[in-house]
Amino acid sequence: MKKVTRSPTVKSGFASGQALAEFAFASMAFLLTISAIMFMAEVVLGYNSLCSAARLAARYASVHGSTSSDASSIQAVAIAAAPDLHLSTSDVAVTFPTDTKVPSQLDAKVVMTYNYSVHIPFMSAQTFPFTVTSQMPVSQ
């Protein structure tokens, strides 16, 4: 019978240490990429919420009329549509310009501005200024 022996060329301690170092570098890059994707997804979600609120407020203004007293109720609809952004009435501007295609009709125009800030650990807060406009013809 022949005796089976191990080759002494590779030490097991060196190989496991090398694998650990490679895993540390690879996992750092992977976690950094995943974190960046998550923070950008948060920014896109905030922008999407703002767009949806402006669209909903313009639709409400289109259906409910074009008087100046309606502007405060339209602002309230826009603020209620995006509760996670903590909007104020100064962030929502409501106007009723004349429609360029049909001069006898008014449009409902809602312009929303918001400074969205993202707090990234170990960095200063990053602020993204968003401005969203939604315009629809008034049906009444």
N, C-alpha and C. Protein backbone atom coordinates (compact mmCIF):
# COMPACT_ATOMS: atom_id res chain seq x y z
N MET A 1 0.82 -1.18 0.00
CA MET A 1 0.00 0.00 0.00
C MET A 1 0.86 1.24 0.00
N LYS A 2 0.32 2.19 -0.70
CA LYS A 2 1.03 3.45 -0.81
C LYS A 2 0.47 4.46 0.18
N LYS A 3 1.34 5.18 0.84
CA LYS A 3 0.93 6.16 1.84
C LYS A 3 0.69 7.52 1.15
N VAL A 4 -0.50 8.16 1.44
CA VAL A 4 -0.86 9.45 0.85
C VAL A 4 -0.40 10.55 1.80
N THR A 5 0.35 11.52 1.29
CA THR A 5 0.82 12.63 2.10
C THR A 5 0.42 13.95 1.47
N ARG A 6 0.37 14.97 2.28
CA ARG A 6 0.03 16.31 1.78
C ARG A 6 1.26 16.98 1.24
N SER A 7 1.03 17.86 0.27
CA SER A 7 2.13 18.64 -0.29
C SER A 7 2.43 19.81 0.64
N PRO A 8 3.65 20.02 1.05
CA PRO A 8 3.97 21.10 1.99
C PRO A 8 4.16 22.46 1.32
N THR A 9 3.77 22.62 0.04
CA THR A 9 4.03 23.87 -0.66
C THR A 9 3.10 25.00 -0.23
N VAL A 10 1.83 24.72 0.10
CA VAL A 10 0.87 25.76 0.47
C VAL A 10 0.51 25.60 1.93
N LYS A 11 0.73 26.65 2.67
CA LYS A 11 0.36 26.63 4.08
C LYS A 11 -1.11 27.04 4.22
N SER A 12 -1.85 26.32 5.01
CA SER A 12 -3.28 26.60 5.12
C SER A 12 -3.54 27.95 5.79
N GLY A 13 -2.71 28.41 6.69
CA GLY A 13 -2.91 29.70 7.36
C GLY A 13 -2.78 30.86 6.40
N PHE A 14 -1.84 30.81 5.46
CA PHE A 14 -1.65 31.87 4.49
C PHE A 14 -2.84 31.96 3.53
N ALA A 15 -3.36 30.85 3.10
CA ALA A 15 -4.48 30.84 2.15
C ALA A 15 -5.74 31.40 2.80
N SER A 16 -6.01 31.07 4.03
CA SER A 16 -7.22 31.58 4.67
C SER A 16 -7.09 33.08 4.97
N GLY A 17 -5.92 33.54 5.29
CA GLY A 17 -5.71 34.97 5.51
C GLY A 17 -5.88 35.77 4.24
N GLN A 18 -5.43 35.22 3.13
CA GLN A 18 -5.59 35.90 1.84
C GLN A 18 -7.06 35.97 1.46
N ALA A 19 -7.78 34.90 1.66
CA ALA A 19 -9.21 34.89 1.35
C ALA A 19 -9.97 35.90 2.21
N LEU A 20 -9.56 36.01 3.47
CA LEU A 20 -10.21 36.97 4.37
C LEU A 20 -9.97 38.40 3.90
N ALA A 21 -8.76 38.71 3.48
CA ALA A 21 -8.45 40.06 3.00
C ALA A 21 -9.21 40.37 1.71
N GLU A 22 -9.29 39.41 0.80
CA GLU A 22 -10.02 39.62 -0.44
C GLU A 22 -11.52 39.80 -0.18
N PHE A 23 -12.04 39.03 0.77
CA PHE A 23 -13.45 39.18 1.12
C PHE A 23 -13.72 40.55 1.73
N ALA A 24 -12.79 41.05 2.54
CA ALA A 24 -12.97 42.37 3.16
C ALA A 24 -13.04 43.46 2.10
N PHE A 25 -12.15 43.41 1.11
CA PHE A 25 -12.17 44.42 0.04
C PHE A 25 -13.44 44.30 -0.81
N ALA A 26 -13.80 43.10 -1.16
CA ALA A 26 -14.98 42.90 -2.00
C ALA A 26 -16.26 43.28 -1.27
N SER A 27 -16.36 42.93 0.01
CA SER A 27 -17.57 43.25 0.76
C SER A 27 -17.70 44.76 0.99
N MET A 28 -16.59 45.46 1.18
CA MET A 28 -16.65 46.91 1.34
C MET A 28 -17.19 47.58 0.08
N ALA A 29 -16.69 47.16 -1.05
CA ALA A 29 -17.17 47.73 -2.32
C ALA A 29 -18.64 47.40 -2.54
N PHE A 30 -19.03 46.19 -2.23
CA PHE A 30 -20.42 45.78 -2.40
C PHE A 30 -21.35 46.58 -1.48
N LEU A 31 -20.99 46.71 -0.21
CA LEU A 31 -21.83 47.45 0.73
C LEU A 31 -21.90 48.94 0.41
N LEU A 32 -20.81 49.50 -0.08
CA LEU A 32 -20.82 50.90 -0.49
C LEU A 32 -21.74 51.12 -1.68
N THR A 33 -21.71 50.20 -2.63
CA THR A 33 -22.60 50.30 -3.80
C THR A 33 -24.06 50.15 -3.39
N ILE A 34 -24.36 49.21 -2.54
CA ILE A 34 -25.74 49.01 -2.07
C ILE A 34 -26.22 50.24 -1.30
N SER A 35 -25.37 50.82 -0.48
CA SER A 35 -25.75 52.03 0.28
C SER A 35 -26.03 53.20 -0.66
N ALA A 36 -25.20 53.38 -1.67
CA ALA A 36 -25.42 54.46 -2.64
C ALA A 36 -26.73 54.27 -3.38
N ILE A 37 -27.03 53.05 -3.75
CA ILE A 37 -28.30 52.76 -4.43
C ILE A 37 -29.48 53.07 -3.52
N MET A 38 -29.38 52.72 -2.25
CA MET A 38 -30.47 52.99 -1.32
C MET A 38 -30.68 54.49 -1.10
N PHE A 39 -29.61 55.26 -0.98
CA PHE A 39 -29.76 56.70 -0.78
C PHE A 39 -30.33 57.37 -2.03
N MET A 40 -29.92 56.95 -3.20
CA MET A 40 -30.48 57.53 -4.43
C MET A 40 -31.94 57.13 -4.60
N ALA A 41 -32.29 55.92 -4.18
CA ALA A 41 -33.69 55.50 -4.23
C ALA A 41 -34.55 56.36 -3.31
N GLU A 42 -34.00 56.77 -2.18
CA GLU A 42 -34.72 57.67 -1.27
C GLU A 42 -34.97 59.03 -1.92
N VAL A 43 -33.98 59.53 -2.66
CA VAL A 43 -34.13 60.82 -3.35
C VAL A 43 -35.19 60.70 -4.45
N VAL A 44 -35.15 59.62 -5.21
CA VAL A 44 -36.12 59.42 -6.28
C VAL A 44 -37.53 59.27 -5.70
N LEU A 45 -37.66 58.60 -4.56
CA LEU A 45 -38.96 58.47 -3.91
C LEU A 45 -39.50 59.83 -3.48
N GLY A 46 -38.64 60.69 -2.95
CA GLY A 46 -39.07 62.04 -2.57
C GLY A 46 -39.53 62.86 -3.77
N TYR A 47 -38.79 62.76 -4.87
CA TYR A 47 -39.17 63.49 -6.08
C TYR A 47 -40.49 62.95 -6.64
N ASN A 48 -40.65 61.65 -6.62
CA ASN A 48 -41.88 61.05 -7.11
C ASN A 48 -43.07 61.46 -6.24
N SER A 49 -42.88 61.53 -4.94
CA SER A 49 -43.96 61.98 -4.04
C SER A 49 -44.35 63.42 -4.34
N LEU A 50 -43.36 64.27 -4.60
CA LEU A 50 -43.63 65.67 -4.92
C LEU A 50 -44.38 65.80 -6.24
N CYS A 51 -43.97 65.03 -7.25
CA CYS A 51 -44.66 65.05 -8.55
C CYS A 51 -46.11 64.58 -8.42
N SER A 52 -46.30 63.53 -7.65
CA SER A 52 -47.65 63.01 -7.45
C SER A 52 -48.54 64.01 -6.72
N ALA A 53 -47.99 64.69 -5.74
CA ALA A 53 -48.77 65.70 -5.00
C ALA A 53 -49.14 66.87 -5.90
N ALA A 54 -48.22 67.32 -6.75
CA ALA A 54 -48.52 68.42 -7.67
C ALA A 54 -49.59 68.01 -8.68
N ARG A 55 -49.51 66.79 -9.18
CA ARG A 55 -50.49 66.31 -10.14
C ARG A 55 -51.87 66.20 -9.50
N LEU A 56 -51.92 65.70 -8.28
CA LEU A 56 -53.19 65.56 -7.57
C LEU A 56 -53.80 66.92 -7.26
N ALA A 57 -52.98 67.88 -6.87
CA ALA A 57 -53.48 69.23 -6.58
C ALA A 57 -53.98 69.91 -7.85
N ALA A 58 -53.28 69.74 -8.96
CA ALA A 58 -53.74 70.33 -10.23
C ALA A 58 -55.05 69.69 -10.69
N ARG A 59 -55.19 68.41 -10.47
CA ARG A 59 -56.44 67.73 -10.82
C ARG A 59 -57.58 68.23 -9.94
N TYR A 60 -57.30 68.42 -8.66
CA TYR A 60 -58.32 68.96 -7.74
C TYR A 60 -58.71 70.38 -8.17
N ALA A 61 -57.73 71.20 -8.53
CA ALA A 61 -58.01 72.57 -8.97
C ALA A 61 -58.78 72.58 -10.28
N SER A 62 -58.49 71.63 -11.14
CA SER A 62 -59.18 71.54 -12.43
C SER A 62 -60.67 71.24 -12.24
N VAL A 63 -60.98 70.44 -11.27
CA VAL A 63 -62.37 70.05 -11.04
C VAL A 63 -63.13 71.05 -10.19
N HIS A 64 -62.49 71.67 -9.20
CA HIS A 64 -63.19 72.49 -8.22
C HIS A 64 -63.20 73.99 -8.50
N GLY A 65 -62.70 74.45 -9.60
CA GLY A 65 -62.86 75.85 -9.93
C GLY A 65 -61.60 76.67 -9.85
N SER A 66 -61.79 77.98 -10.13
CA SER A 66 -60.63 78.86 -10.30
C SER A 66 -60.73 80.16 -9.53
N THR A 67 -61.28 80.15 -8.35
CA THR A 67 -61.34 81.37 -7.56
C THR A 67 -60.12 81.43 -6.65
N SER A 68 -59.80 82.61 -6.19
CA SER A 68 -58.63 82.78 -5.33
C SER A 68 -58.84 82.13 -3.96
N SER A 69 -60.11 81.99 -3.54
CA SER A 69 -60.37 81.34 -2.25
C SER A 69 -60.09 79.85 -2.32
N ASP A 70 -60.10 79.28 -3.52
CA ASP A 70 -59.81 77.86 -3.68
C ASP A 70 -58.31 77.56 -3.56
N ALA A 71 -57.47 78.59 -3.66
CA ALA A 71 -56.02 78.36 -3.63
C ALA A 71 -55.58 77.73 -2.31
N SER A 72 -56.17 78.15 -1.20
CA SER A 72 -55.78 77.57 0.08
C SER A 72 -56.22 76.11 0.20
N SER A 73 -57.38 75.78 -0.35
CA SER A 73 -57.82 74.37 -0.30
C SER A 73 -56.97 73.52 -1.25
N ILE A 74 -56.52 74.08 -2.36
CA ILE A 74 -55.65 73.36 -3.29
C ILE A 74 -54.29 73.13 -2.64
N GLN A 75 -53.80 74.13 -1.92
CA GLN A 75 -52.54 73.95 -1.19
C GLN A 75 -52.68 72.86 -0.13
N ALA A 76 -53.81 72.82 0.54
CA ALA A 76 -54.05 71.80 1.56
C ALA A 76 -54.07 70.40 0.95
N VAL A 77 -54.64 70.28 -0.25
CA VAL A 77 -54.65 68.99 -0.94
C VAL A 77 -53.22 68.57 -1.29
N ALA A 78 -52.42 69.50 -1.78
CA ALA A 78 -51.04 69.19 -2.15
C ALA A 78 -50.22 68.79 -0.93
N ILE A 79 -50.42 69.47 0.18
CA ILE A 79 -49.66 69.15 1.40
C ILE A 79 -50.09 67.80 1.96
N ALA A 80 -51.39 67.51 1.89
CA ALA A 80 -51.89 66.23 2.40
C ALA A 80 -51.47 65.06 1.51
N ALA A 81 -51.19 65.33 0.24
CA ALA A 81 -50.81 64.26 -0.69
C ALA A 81 -49.39 63.76 -0.46
N ALA A 82 -48.55 64.56 0.18
CA ALA A 82 -47.16 64.15 0.46
C ALA A 82 -46.83 64.41 1.92
N PRO A 83 -47.41 63.62 2.83
CA PRO A 83 -47.19 63.89 4.26
C PRO A 83 -45.76 63.62 4.71
N ASP A 84 -45.05 62.75 4.04
CA ASP A 84 -43.68 62.42 4.46
C ASP A 84 -42.68 63.52 4.15
N LEU A 85 -43.05 64.49 3.32
CA LEU A 85 -42.13 65.59 2.97
C LEU A 85 -42.25 66.79 3.91
N HIS A 86 -43.30 66.85 4.71
CA HIS A 86 -43.52 67.97 5.66
C HIS A 86 -43.52 69.31 4.92
N LEU A 87 -44.39 69.44 3.93
CA LEU A 87 -44.50 70.66 3.13
C LEU A 87 -45.23 71.75 3.92
N SER A 88 -45.02 72.99 3.49
CA SER A 88 -45.77 74.11 4.05
C SER A 88 -46.45 74.84 2.90
N THR A 89 -47.30 75.80 3.22
CA THR A 89 -48.03 76.52 2.18
C THR A 89 -47.09 77.37 1.33
N SER A 90 -45.94 77.74 1.85
CA SER A 90 -44.99 78.52 1.05
C SER A 90 -44.31 77.66 -0.02
N ASP A 91 -44.40 76.34 0.10
CA ASP A 91 -43.81 75.44 -0.90
C ASP A 91 -44.73 75.21 -2.09
N VAL A 92 -46.00 75.61 -1.98
CA VAL A 92 -46.99 75.34 -3.02
C VAL A 92 -47.54 76.66 -3.55
N ALA A 93 -47.39 76.89 -4.86
CA ALA A 93 -47.93 78.09 -5.50
C ALA A 93 -49.02 77.67 -6.48
N VAL A 94 -50.18 78.27 -6.36
CA VAL A 94 -51.32 77.95 -7.22
C VAL A 94 -51.69 79.19 -8.01
N THR A 95 -51.73 79.05 -9.34
CA THR A 95 -52.15 80.15 -10.22
C THR A 95 -53.15 79.61 -11.23
N PHE A 96 -53.87 80.53 -11.85
CA PHE A 96 -54.86 80.17 -12.87
C PHE A 96 -54.58 81.00 -14.13
N PRO A 97 -53.56 80.65 -14.91
CA PRO A 97 -53.25 81.42 -16.12
C PRO A 97 -54.25 81.11 -17.24
N THR A 98 -54.32 82.00 -18.22
CA THR A 98 -55.17 81.78 -19.39
C THR A 98 -54.55 80.71 -20.27
N ASP A 99 -55.40 79.80 -20.75
CA ASP A 99 -54.93 78.72 -21.61
C ASP A 99 -54.50 79.30 -22.95
N THR A 100 -53.31 78.96 -23.41
CA THR A 100 -52.80 79.52 -24.67
C THR A 100 -53.52 78.93 -25.88
N LYS A 101 -54.04 77.72 -25.78
CA LYS A 101 -54.73 77.09 -26.91
C LYS A 101 -56.20 77.52 -26.99
N VAL A 102 -56.80 77.74 -25.83
CA VAL A 102 -58.19 78.19 -25.76
C VAL A 102 -58.22 79.42 -24.86
N PRO A 103 -58.13 80.64 -25.45
CA PRO A 103 -58.03 81.86 -24.62
C PRO A 103 -59.22 82.11 -23.70
N SER A 104 -60.37 81.52 -24.00
CA SER A 104 -61.54 81.74 -23.14
C SER A 104 -61.54 80.83 -21.91
N GLN A 105 -60.58 79.97 -21.80
CA GLN A 105 -60.53 79.02 -20.69
C GLN A 105 -59.28 79.24 -19.84
N LEU A 106 -59.39 78.92 -18.55
CA LEU A 106 -58.25 79.04 -17.64
C LEU A 106 -57.63 77.67 -17.40
N ASP A 107 -56.37 77.69 -17.03
CA ASP A 107 -55.66 76.49 -16.60
C ASP A 107 -55.42 76.58 -15.10
N ALA A 108 -55.32 75.43 -14.48
CA ALA A 108 -54.91 75.36 -13.08
C ALA A 108 -53.45 74.95 -13.07
N LYS A 109 -52.61 75.82 -12.52
CA LYS A 109 -51.16 75.56 -12.51
C LYS A 109 -50.68 75.50 -11.07
N VAL A 110 -50.06 74.37 -10.72
CA VAL A 110 -49.53 74.16 -9.38
C VAL A 110 -48.01 74.00 -9.51
N VAL A 111 -47.29 74.88 -8.83
CA VAL A 111 -45.82 74.82 -8.81
C VAL A 111 -45.39 74.54 -7.38
N MET A 112 -44.64 73.46 -7.21
CA MET A 112 -44.17 73.08 -5.88
C MET A 112 -42.65 73.09 -5.86
N THR A 113 -42.09 73.72 -4.84
CA THR A 113 -40.64 73.73 -4.65
C THR A 113 -40.33 73.13 -3.29
N TYR A 114 -39.26 72.37 -3.24
CA TYR A 114 -38.89 71.72 -1.98
C TYR A 114 -37.41 71.40 -2.00
N ASN A 115 -36.74 71.65 -0.91
CA ASN A 115 -35.33 71.28 -0.76
C ASN A 115 -35.27 69.96 -0.01
N TYR A 116 -34.99 68.89 -0.73
CA TYR A 116 -34.95 67.55 -0.15
C TYR A 116 -33.54 67.28 0.34
N SER A 117 -33.40 66.95 1.62
CA SER A 117 -32.06 66.69 2.15
C SER A 117 -31.95 65.23 2.57
N VAL A 118 -30.79 64.67 2.27
CA VAL A 118 -30.50 63.28 2.61
C VAL A 118 -29.35 63.30 3.60
N HIS A 119 -29.52 62.59 4.69
CA HIS A 119 -28.48 62.52 5.73
C HIS A 119 -27.71 61.22 5.56
N ILE A 120 -26.49 61.34 5.04
CA ILE A 120 -25.63 60.20 4.82
C ILE A 120 -24.67 60.11 6.00
N PRO A 121 -24.53 58.93 6.61
CA PRO A 121 -23.62 58.81 7.75
C PRO A 121 -22.18 59.20 7.39
N PHE A 122 -21.52 59.86 8.31
CA PHE A 122 -20.12 60.30 8.20
C PHE A 122 -19.93 61.37 7.12
N MET A 123 -21.01 61.98 6.65
CA MET A 123 -20.93 63.07 5.67
C MET A 123 -21.90 64.17 6.08
N SER A 124 -21.72 65.34 5.50
CA SER A 124 -22.69 66.40 5.74
C SER A 124 -23.96 66.11 4.94
N ALA A 125 -25.05 66.69 5.34
CA ALA A 125 -26.33 66.45 4.66
C ALA A 125 -26.27 67.00 3.23
N GLN A 126 -26.76 66.21 2.31
CA GLN A 126 -26.82 66.61 0.91
C GLN A 126 -28.23 67.11 0.61
N THR A 127 -28.33 68.28 -0.03
CA THR A 127 -29.63 68.88 -0.33
C THR A 127 -29.85 68.91 -1.83
N PHE A 128 -31.03 68.47 -2.25
CA PHE A 128 -31.42 68.47 -3.65
C PHE A 128 -32.62 69.40 -3.81
N PRO A 129 -32.49 70.51 -4.55
CA PRO A 129 -33.64 71.40 -4.75
C PRO A 129 -34.56 70.86 -5.85
N PHE A 130 -35.81 70.60 -5.51
CA PHE A 130 -36.79 70.09 -6.46
C PHE A 130 -37.79 71.18 -6.80
N THR A 131 -38.14 71.31 -8.06
CA THR A 131 -39.22 72.17 -8.51
C THR A 131 -40.09 71.38 -9.48
N VAL A 132 -41.37 71.29 -9.17
CA VAL A 132 -42.30 70.48 -9.96
C VAL A 132 -43.46 71.36 -10.38
N THR A 133 -43.87 71.24 -11.63
CA THR A 133 -45.01 72.00 -12.16
C THR A 133 -46.02 71.04 -12.77
N SER A 134 -47.28 71.26 -12.45
CA SER A 134 -48.36 70.49 -13.04
C SER A 134 -49.44 71.47 -13.48
N GLN A 135 -49.93 71.31 -14.71
CA GLN A 135 -50.91 72.24 -15.25
C GLN A 135 -51.99 71.48 -15.98
N MET A 136 -53.26 71.82 -15.68
CA MET A 136 -54.42 71.16 -16.30
C MET A 136 -55.49 72.21 -16.58
N PRO A 137 -56.31 72.00 -17.61
CA PRO A 137 -57.40 72.96 -17.88
C PRO A 137 -58.51 72.84 -16.85
N VAL A 138 -59.07 74.00 -16.49
CA VAL A 138 -60.16 74.06 -15.52
C VAL A 138 -61.44 73.67 -16.23
N SER A 139 -62.18 72.74 -15.63
CA SER A 139 -63.38 72.22 -16.30
C SER A 139 -64.62 73.03 -16.02
N GLN A 140 -64.60 73.94 -15.02
CA GLN A 140 -65.80 74.74 -14.71
C GLN A 140 -65.66 76.15 -15.18
